[in-house]
């Protein structure tokens, strides 16, 4: 190669090298931003999970369930089992107002309803519910 060719090739190679460096830098910045947003999202989710666990593991929940049990007459209550953060409940001969009131109270408690069955016999209802917390 002659000197004239080197004078053209060296700046061209430097320009291509700088252009490659710019594209690498921009892709690295985008990658860094993606990982930062994923990390922030994961931290937010962890905070929400911790808050829900604190809410659902309250010791006052058992007393609230006892009050809920006391609000139902013993003739209507067929089953009320509370074991290992699970509640199995079966109530018979509920009127419409009683059923609505009871479901409203369950809805206000930090419970996850796994199974809910409501059967109607004439004007009375039968409720079967399985919950966990």
N, C-alpha and C. Protein backbone atom coordinates (compact mmCIF):
# COMPACT_ATOMS: atom_id res chain seq x y z
N UNK A 1 0.84 -1.18 0.00
CA UNK A 1 0.00 0.00 0.00
C UNK A 1 0.88 1.24 0.00
N UNK A 2 0.36 2.18 -0.67
CA UNK A 2 1.10 3.43 -0.74
C UNK A 2 0.68 4.35 0.39
N UNK A 3 1.38 5.41 0.54
CA UNK A 3 1.11 6.36 1.61
C UNK A 3 -0.26 7.01 1.43
N UNK A 4 -0.66 7.25 0.24
CA UNK A 4 -1.97 7.86 -0.02
C UNK A 4 -3.09 6.91 0.39
N UNK A 5 -2.88 5.63 0.12
CA UNK A 5 -3.90 4.66 0.52
C UNK A 5 -3.99 4.53 2.04
N UNK A 6 -2.84 4.59 2.72
CA UNK A 6 -2.86 4.53 4.18
C UNK A 6 -3.53 5.76 4.76
N UNK A 7 -3.36 6.90 4.16
CA UNK A 7 -3.99 8.12 4.66
C UNK A 7 -5.52 8.03 4.58
N UNK A 8 -6.02 7.29 3.65
CA UNK A 8 -7.47 7.10 3.53
C UNK A 8 -7.93 5.95 4.45
N UNK A 9 -7.16 4.87 4.51
CA UNK A 9 -7.56 3.67 5.24
C UNK A 9 -7.56 3.88 6.75
N UNK A 10 -6.58 4.59 7.28
CA UNK A 10 -6.49 4.78 8.74
C UNK A 10 -7.68 5.59 9.27
N UNK A 11 -8.03 6.74 8.71
CA UNK A 11 -9.22 7.45 9.22
C UNK A 11 -10.51 6.67 9.00
N UNK A 12 -10.57 5.93 7.88
CA UNK A 12 -11.78 5.14 7.63
C UNK A 12 -11.90 4.02 8.68
N UNK A 13 -10.80 3.36 9.00
CA UNK A 13 -10.82 2.31 10.02
C UNK A 13 -11.16 2.90 11.40
N UNK A 14 -10.60 4.07 11.69
CA UNK A 14 -10.91 4.72 12.97
C UNK A 14 -12.39 5.10 13.04
N UNK A 15 -12.92 5.59 11.93
CA UNK A 15 -14.35 5.95 11.90
C UNK A 15 -15.22 4.71 12.11
N UNK A 16 -14.90 3.62 11.42
CA UNK A 16 -15.67 2.38 11.58
C UNK A 16 -15.55 1.84 13.01
N UNK A 17 -14.36 1.95 13.57
CA UNK A 17 -14.16 1.50 14.95
C UNK A 17 -14.99 2.35 15.92
N UNK A 18 -15.01 3.67 15.71
CA UNK A 18 -15.80 4.57 16.56
C UNK A 18 -17.30 4.30 16.38
N UNK A 19 -17.72 4.05 15.15
CA UNK A 19 -19.12 3.75 14.89
C UNK A 19 -19.54 2.45 15.59
N UNK A 20 -18.68 1.45 15.53
CA UNK A 20 -18.95 0.19 16.23
C UNK A 20 -19.03 0.40 17.74
N UNK A 21 -18.14 1.22 18.27
CA UNK A 21 -18.16 1.52 19.70
C UNK A 21 -19.44 2.25 20.10
N UNK A 22 -19.92 3.14 19.26
CA UNK A 22 -21.16 3.87 19.55
C UNK A 22 -22.34 2.90 19.60
N UNK A 23 -22.44 2.00 18.62
CA UNK A 23 -23.55 1.04 18.61
C UNK A 23 -23.47 0.09 19.81
N UNK A 24 -22.26 -0.31 20.18
CA UNK A 24 -22.10 -1.17 21.35
C UNK A 24 -22.55 -0.44 22.61
N UNK A 25 -22.16 0.83 22.72
CA UNK A 25 -22.53 1.62 23.90
C UNK A 25 -24.03 1.80 24.00
N UNK A 26 -24.69 2.08 22.89
CA UNK A 26 -26.14 2.29 22.91
C UNK A 26 -26.87 0.98 23.25
N UNK A 27 -26.40 -0.14 22.70
CA UNK A 27 -27.05 -1.41 23.03
C UNK A 27 -26.81 -1.78 24.49
N UNK A 28 -25.63 -1.46 25.02
CA UNK A 28 -25.34 -1.75 26.43
C UNK A 28 -26.22 -0.89 27.33
N UNK A 29 -26.46 0.37 26.95
CA UNK A 29 -27.33 1.23 27.75
C UNK A 29 -28.76 0.71 27.75
N UNK A 30 -29.25 0.27 26.59
CA UNK A 30 -30.60 -0.29 26.52
C UNK A 30 -30.71 -1.54 27.37
N UNK A 31 -29.70 -2.38 27.32
CA UNK A 31 -29.70 -3.60 28.13
C UNK A 31 -29.71 -3.26 29.61
N UNK A 32 -28.92 -2.27 29.99
CA UNK A 32 -28.87 -1.85 31.39
C UNK A 32 -30.21 -1.29 31.85
N UNK A 33 -30.86 -0.51 31.00
CA UNK A 33 -32.18 0.04 31.34
C UNK A 33 -33.20 -1.07 31.50
N UNK A 34 -33.15 -2.07 30.62
CA UNK A 34 -34.08 -3.20 30.72
C UNK A 34 -33.88 -3.96 32.04
N UNK A 35 -32.64 -4.22 32.39
CA UNK A 35 -32.39 -4.94 33.64
C UNK A 35 -32.80 -4.10 34.85
N UNK A 36 -32.61 -2.78 34.78
CA UNK A 36 -33.02 -1.92 35.89
C UNK A 36 -34.54 -1.92 36.05
N UNK A 37 -35.27 -1.85 34.94
CA UNK A 37 -36.74 -1.87 35.06
C UNK A 37 -37.23 -3.22 35.56
N UNK A 38 -36.60 -4.31 35.12
CA UNK A 38 -36.99 -5.63 35.61
C UNK A 38 -36.72 -5.75 37.11
N UNK A 39 -35.59 -5.21 37.55
CA UNK A 39 -35.24 -5.25 38.97
C UNK A 39 -36.22 -4.43 39.79
N UNK A 40 -36.56 -3.25 39.31
CA UNK A 40 -37.53 -2.40 40.02
C UNK A 40 -38.90 -3.07 40.09
N UNK A 41 -39.32 -3.69 39.00
CA UNK A 41 -40.60 -4.40 38.99
C UNK A 41 -40.58 -5.55 39.99
N UNK A 42 -39.50 -6.29 40.02
CA UNK A 42 -39.40 -7.41 40.95
C UNK A 42 -39.41 -6.93 42.40
N UNK A 43 -38.73 -5.82 42.68
CA UNK A 43 -38.73 -5.28 44.03
C UNK A 43 -40.13 -4.81 44.43
N UNK A 44 -40.84 -4.19 43.52
CA UNK A 44 -42.21 -3.75 43.80
C UNK A 44 -43.10 -4.95 44.10
N UNK A 45 -42.98 -6.00 43.30
CA UNK A 45 -43.77 -7.20 43.53
C UNK A 45 -43.45 -7.83 44.88
N UNK A 46 -42.17 -7.84 45.25
CA UNK A 46 -41.78 -8.42 46.54
C UNK A 46 -42.37 -7.59 47.68
N UNK A 47 -42.36 -6.27 47.55
CA UNK A 47 -42.97 -5.43 48.59
C UNK A 47 -44.47 -5.70 48.71
N UNK A 48 -45.14 -5.86 47.57
CA UNK A 48 -46.58 -6.14 47.61
C UNK A 48 -46.86 -7.49 48.25
N UNK A 49 -46.04 -8.49 47.93
CA UNK A 49 -46.21 -9.82 48.52
C UNK A 49 -46.00 -9.78 50.02
N UNK A 50 -44.98 -9.04 50.45
CA UNK A 50 -44.74 -8.91 51.89
C UNK A 50 -45.91 -8.24 52.59
N UNK A 51 -46.45 -7.19 51.97
CA UNK A 51 -47.59 -6.50 52.58
C UNK A 51 -48.80 -7.43 52.68
N UNK A 52 -49.05 -8.22 51.64
CA UNK A 52 -50.18 -9.15 51.68
C UNK A 52 -49.94 -10.24 52.72
N UNK A 53 -48.72 -10.73 52.83
CA UNK A 53 -48.44 -11.74 53.85
C UNK A 53 -48.66 -11.19 55.24
N UNK A 54 -48.22 -9.93 55.46
CA UNK A 54 -48.45 -9.31 56.77
C UNK A 54 -49.94 -9.18 57.05
N UNK A 55 -50.70 -8.82 56.02
CA UNK A 55 -52.14 -8.66 56.18
C UNK A 55 -52.81 -10.00 56.44
N UNK A 56 -52.41 -11.03 55.69
CA UNK A 56 -53.08 -12.31 55.79
C UNK A 56 -52.63 -13.12 57.00
N UNK A 57 -51.51 -12.83 57.57
CA UNK A 57 -51.03 -13.58 58.73
C UNK A 57 -51.36 -12.88 60.04
N UNK A 58 -52.34 -12.05 60.04
CA UNK A 58 -52.70 -11.36 61.27
C UNK A 58 -53.30 -12.35 62.26
N UNK A 59 -52.94 -12.16 63.53
CA UNK A 59 -53.46 -13.05 64.57
C UNK A 59 -54.90 -12.68 64.92
N UNK A 60 -55.32 -11.50 64.57
CA UNK A 60 -56.69 -11.09 64.84
C UNK A 60 -57.70 -11.77 63.94
N UNK A 61 -57.23 -12.45 62.90
CA UNK A 61 -58.14 -13.11 61.97
C UNK A 61 -58.88 -14.25 62.65
N UNK A 62 -58.21 -14.97 63.53
CA UNK A 62 -58.88 -16.08 64.21
C UNK A 62 -60.01 -15.58 65.09
N UNK A 63 -59.80 -14.47 65.77
CA UNK A 63 -60.89 -13.92 66.59
C UNK A 63 -62.04 -13.43 65.72
N UNK A 64 -61.72 -12.88 64.55
CA UNK A 64 -62.77 -12.46 63.63
C UNK A 64 -63.57 -13.66 63.11
N UNK A 65 -62.86 -14.77 62.87
CA UNK A 65 -63.56 -15.98 62.45
C UNK A 65 -64.43 -16.53 63.58
N UNK A 66 -63.96 -16.41 64.82
CA UNK A 66 -64.79 -16.85 65.96
C UNK A 66 -66.05 -16.00 66.07
N UNK A 67 -65.91 -14.68 65.85
CA UNK A 67 -67.09 -13.82 65.86
C UNK A 67 -68.03 -14.15 64.73
N UNK A 68 -67.47 -14.52 63.58
CA UNK A 68 -68.29 -14.91 62.44
C UNK A 68 -69.06 -16.19 62.77
N UNK A 69 -68.40 -17.11 63.44
CA UNK A 69 -69.04 -18.37 63.84
C UNK A 69 -70.14 -18.10 64.86
N UNK A 70 -69.89 -17.17 65.77
CA UNK A 70 -70.88 -16.87 66.80
C UNK A 70 -72.10 -16.17 66.22
N UNK A 71 -71.95 -15.54 65.07
CA UNK A 71 -73.09 -14.83 64.47
C UNK A 71 -74.09 -15.78 63.83
N UNK A 72 -73.73 -17.06 63.69
CA UNK A 72 -74.61 -18.05 63.08
C UNK A 72 -75.18 -18.93 64.18
N UNK A 73 -76.45 -19.22 64.09
CA UNK A 73 -77.06 -20.06 65.12
C UNK A 73 -76.54 -21.50 64.99
N UNK A 74 -76.42 -22.21 66.12
CA UNK A 74 -75.88 -23.59 66.08
C UNK A 74 -76.74 -24.56 65.26
N UNK A 75 -78.04 -24.27 65.13
CA UNK A 75 -78.90 -25.15 64.34
C UNK A 75 -78.56 -25.05 62.85
N UNK A 76 -78.13 -23.87 62.43
CA UNK A 76 -77.82 -23.67 61.02
C UNK A 76 -76.40 -24.12 60.67
N UNK A 77 -75.51 -24.06 61.63
CA UNK A 77 -74.11 -24.37 61.39
C UNK A 77 -73.91 -25.87 61.39
N UNK A 78 -73.54 -26.40 60.24
CA UNK A 78 -73.31 -27.83 60.13
C UNK A 78 -71.84 -28.19 60.31
N UNK A 79 -70.95 -27.34 59.79
CA UNK A 79 -69.52 -27.62 59.91
C UNK A 79 -68.76 -26.29 59.92
N UNK A 80 -67.80 -26.20 60.82
CA UNK A 80 -66.92 -25.03 60.92
C UNK A 80 -65.56 -25.54 61.36
N UNK A 81 -64.73 -25.96 60.41
CA UNK A 81 -63.41 -26.50 60.71
C UNK A 81 -62.35 -25.48 60.34
N UNK A 82 -61.48 -25.19 61.29
CA UNK A 82 -60.38 -24.26 61.05
C UNK A 82 -59.08 -24.97 61.40
N UNK A 83 -58.33 -25.32 60.35
CA UNK A 83 -57.05 -26.01 60.54
C UNK A 83 -56.02 -25.46 59.58
N UNK A 84 -54.83 -25.21 60.09
CA UNK A 84 -53.68 -24.84 59.27
C UNK A 84 -53.99 -23.78 58.23
N UNK A 85 -54.48 -22.67 58.66
CA UNK A 85 -54.80 -21.55 57.78
C UNK A 85 -55.83 -21.92 56.72
N UNK A 86 -56.71 -22.83 57.03
CA UNK A 86 -57.80 -23.22 56.13
C UNK A 86 -59.10 -23.22 56.92
N UNK A 87 -60.16 -22.87 56.24
CA UNK A 87 -61.48 -22.84 56.85
C UNK A 87 -62.43 -23.62 55.96
N UNK A 88 -63.09 -24.63 56.53
CA UNK A 88 -64.14 -25.37 55.85
C UNK A 88 -65.43 -25.06 56.57
N UNK A 89 -66.41 -24.63 55.83
CA UNK A 89 -67.63 -24.09 56.42
C UNK A 89 -68.83 -24.62 55.66
N UNK A 90 -69.85 -25.03 56.42
CA UNK A 90 -71.09 -25.47 55.80
C UNK A 90 -72.26 -24.98 56.67
N UNK A 91 -73.15 -24.24 56.06
CA UNK A 91 -74.29 -23.67 56.78
C UNK A 91 -75.56 -24.02 56.01
N UNK A 92 -76.59 -24.38 56.75
CA UNK A 92 -77.88 -24.72 56.14
C UNK A 92 -78.96 -23.78 56.64
N UNK A 93 -80.06 -23.76 55.94
CA UNK A 93 -81.27 -23.03 56.31
C UNK A 93 -81.01 -21.53 56.48
N UNK A 94 -80.31 -20.96 55.53
CA UNK A 94 -80.07 -19.52 55.56
C UNK A 94 -81.12 -18.81 54.71
N UNK A 95 -81.61 -17.70 55.21
CA UNK A 95 -82.49 -16.86 54.42
C UNK A 95 -81.63 -15.95 53.55
N UNK A 96 -82.25 -15.29 52.60
CA UNK A 96 -81.52 -14.44 51.66
C UNK A 96 -80.73 -13.34 52.33
N UNK A 97 -81.34 -12.66 53.30
CA UNK A 97 -80.64 -11.58 54.00
C UNK A 97 -79.46 -12.11 54.80
N UNK A 98 -79.64 -13.25 55.46
CA UNK A 98 -78.55 -13.84 56.23
C UNK A 98 -77.39 -14.25 55.32
N UNK A 99 -77.74 -14.82 54.17
CA UNK A 99 -76.72 -15.24 53.22
C UNK A 99 -75.93 -14.03 52.72
N UNK A 100 -76.62 -12.96 52.35
CA UNK A 100 -75.94 -11.76 51.88
C UNK A 100 -75.05 -11.15 52.95
N UNK A 101 -75.54 -11.10 54.17
CA UNK A 101 -74.77 -10.53 55.27
C UNK A 101 -73.52 -11.38 55.53
N UNK A 102 -73.69 -12.69 55.52
CA UNK A 102 -72.57 -13.59 55.77
C UNK A 102 -71.53 -13.49 54.66
N UNK A 103 -71.96 -13.47 53.41
CA UNK A 103 -71.01 -13.35 52.30
C UNK A 103 -70.30 -12.00 52.32
N UNK A 104 -71.01 -10.95 52.74
CA UNK A 104 -70.37 -9.64 52.88
C UNK A 104 -69.29 -9.65 53.93
N UNK A 105 -69.54 -10.34 55.04
CA UNK A 105 -68.53 -10.43 56.11
C UNK A 105 -67.32 -11.25 55.66
N UNK A 106 -67.56 -12.32 54.93
CA UNK A 106 -66.44 -13.11 54.41
C UNK A 106 -65.63 -12.29 53.42
N UNK A 107 -66.32 -11.50 52.61
CA UNK A 107 -65.63 -10.66 51.63
C UNK A 107 -64.74 -9.61 52.25
N UNK A 108 -65.05 -9.18 53.45
CA UNK A 108 -64.23 -8.17 54.13
C UNK A 108 -63.01 -8.75 54.82
N UNK A 109 -63.01 -10.06 55.03
CA UNK A 109 -61.87 -10.70 55.69
C UNK A 109 -60.78 -11.01 54.66
N UNK A 110 -59.51 -11.00 55.09
CA UNK A 110 -58.42 -11.32 54.15
C UNK A 110 -58.32 -12.82 53.92
N UNK A 111 -59.31 -13.37 53.25
CA UNK A 111 -59.37 -14.79 52.95
C UNK A 111 -59.37 -14.99 51.45
N UNK A 112 -58.81 -16.11 51.01
CA UNK A 112 -58.88 -16.49 49.62
C UNK A 112 -59.88 -17.63 49.52
N UNK A 113 -60.98 -17.39 48.84
CA UNK A 113 -62.04 -18.38 48.72
C UNK A 113 -61.64 -19.37 47.62
N UNK A 114 -61.49 -20.63 48.01
CA UNK A 114 -61.10 -21.66 47.05
C UNK A 114 -62.32 -22.33 46.44
N UNK A 115 -63.37 -22.49 47.22
CA UNK A 115 -64.55 -23.20 46.74
C UNK A 115 -65.77 -22.57 47.41
N UNK A 116 -66.76 -22.25 46.63
CA UNK A 116 -67.99 -21.66 47.17
C UNK A 116 -69.17 -22.26 46.43
N UNK A 117 -70.05 -22.90 47.19
CA UNK A 117 -71.25 -23.49 46.61
C UNK A 117 -72.46 -22.96 47.37
N UNK A 118 -73.43 -22.46 46.62
CA UNK A 118 -74.68 -21.99 47.21
C UNK A 118 -75.81 -22.72 46.52
N UNK A 119 -76.61 -23.42 47.31
CA UNK A 119 -77.76 -24.15 46.77
C UNK A 119 -79.03 -23.58 47.35
N UNK A 120 -80.06 -23.54 46.53
CA UNK A 120 -81.34 -22.99 46.98
C UNK A 120 -82.37 -24.10 47.08
N UNK A 121 -83.03 -24.18 48.23
CA UNK A 121 -84.13 -25.12 48.47
C UNK A 121 -85.34 -24.31 48.89
N UNK A 122 -86.23 -24.04 47.97
CA UNK A 122 -87.38 -23.19 48.28
C UNK A 122 -86.91 -21.77 48.49
N UNK A 123 -87.15 -21.25 49.69
CA UNK A 123 -86.69 -19.89 49.97
C UNK A 123 -85.47 -19.87 50.89
N UNK A 124 -84.98 -21.05 51.24
CA UNK A 124 -83.79 -21.14 52.09
C UNK A 124 -82.58 -21.57 51.26
N UNK A 125 -81.41 -21.23 51.77
CA UNK A 125 -80.17 -21.50 51.06
C UNK A 125 -79.25 -22.37 51.90
N UNK A 126 -78.37 -23.07 51.20
CA UNK A 126 -77.32 -23.87 51.83
C UNK A 126 -75.99 -23.36 51.27
N UNK A 127 -75.04 -23.08 52.16
CA UNK A 127 -73.75 -22.50 51.79
C UNK A 127 -72.64 -23.46 52.17
N UNK A 128 -71.75 -23.71 51.23
CA UNK A 128 -70.56 -24.50 51.49
C UNK A 128 -69.37 -23.70 50.97
N UNK A 129 -68.37 -23.52 51.85
CA UNK A 129 -67.27 -22.63 51.52
C UNK A 129 -65.96 -23.20 52.05
N UNK A 130 -64.91 -23.11 51.22
CA UNK A 130 -63.56 -23.48 51.65
C UNK A 130 -62.66 -22.27 51.38
N UNK A 131 -61.96 -21.85 52.41
CA UNK A 131 -61.11 -20.66 52.31
C UNK A 131 -59.72 -20.98 52.86
N UNK A 132 -58.77 -20.13 52.49
CA UNK A 132 -57.44 -20.22 53.08
C UNK A 132 -56.89 -18.83 53.24
N UNK A 133 -55.90 -18.70 54.11
CA UNK A 133 -55.25 -17.42 54.32
C UNK A 133 -53.79 -17.60 54.59
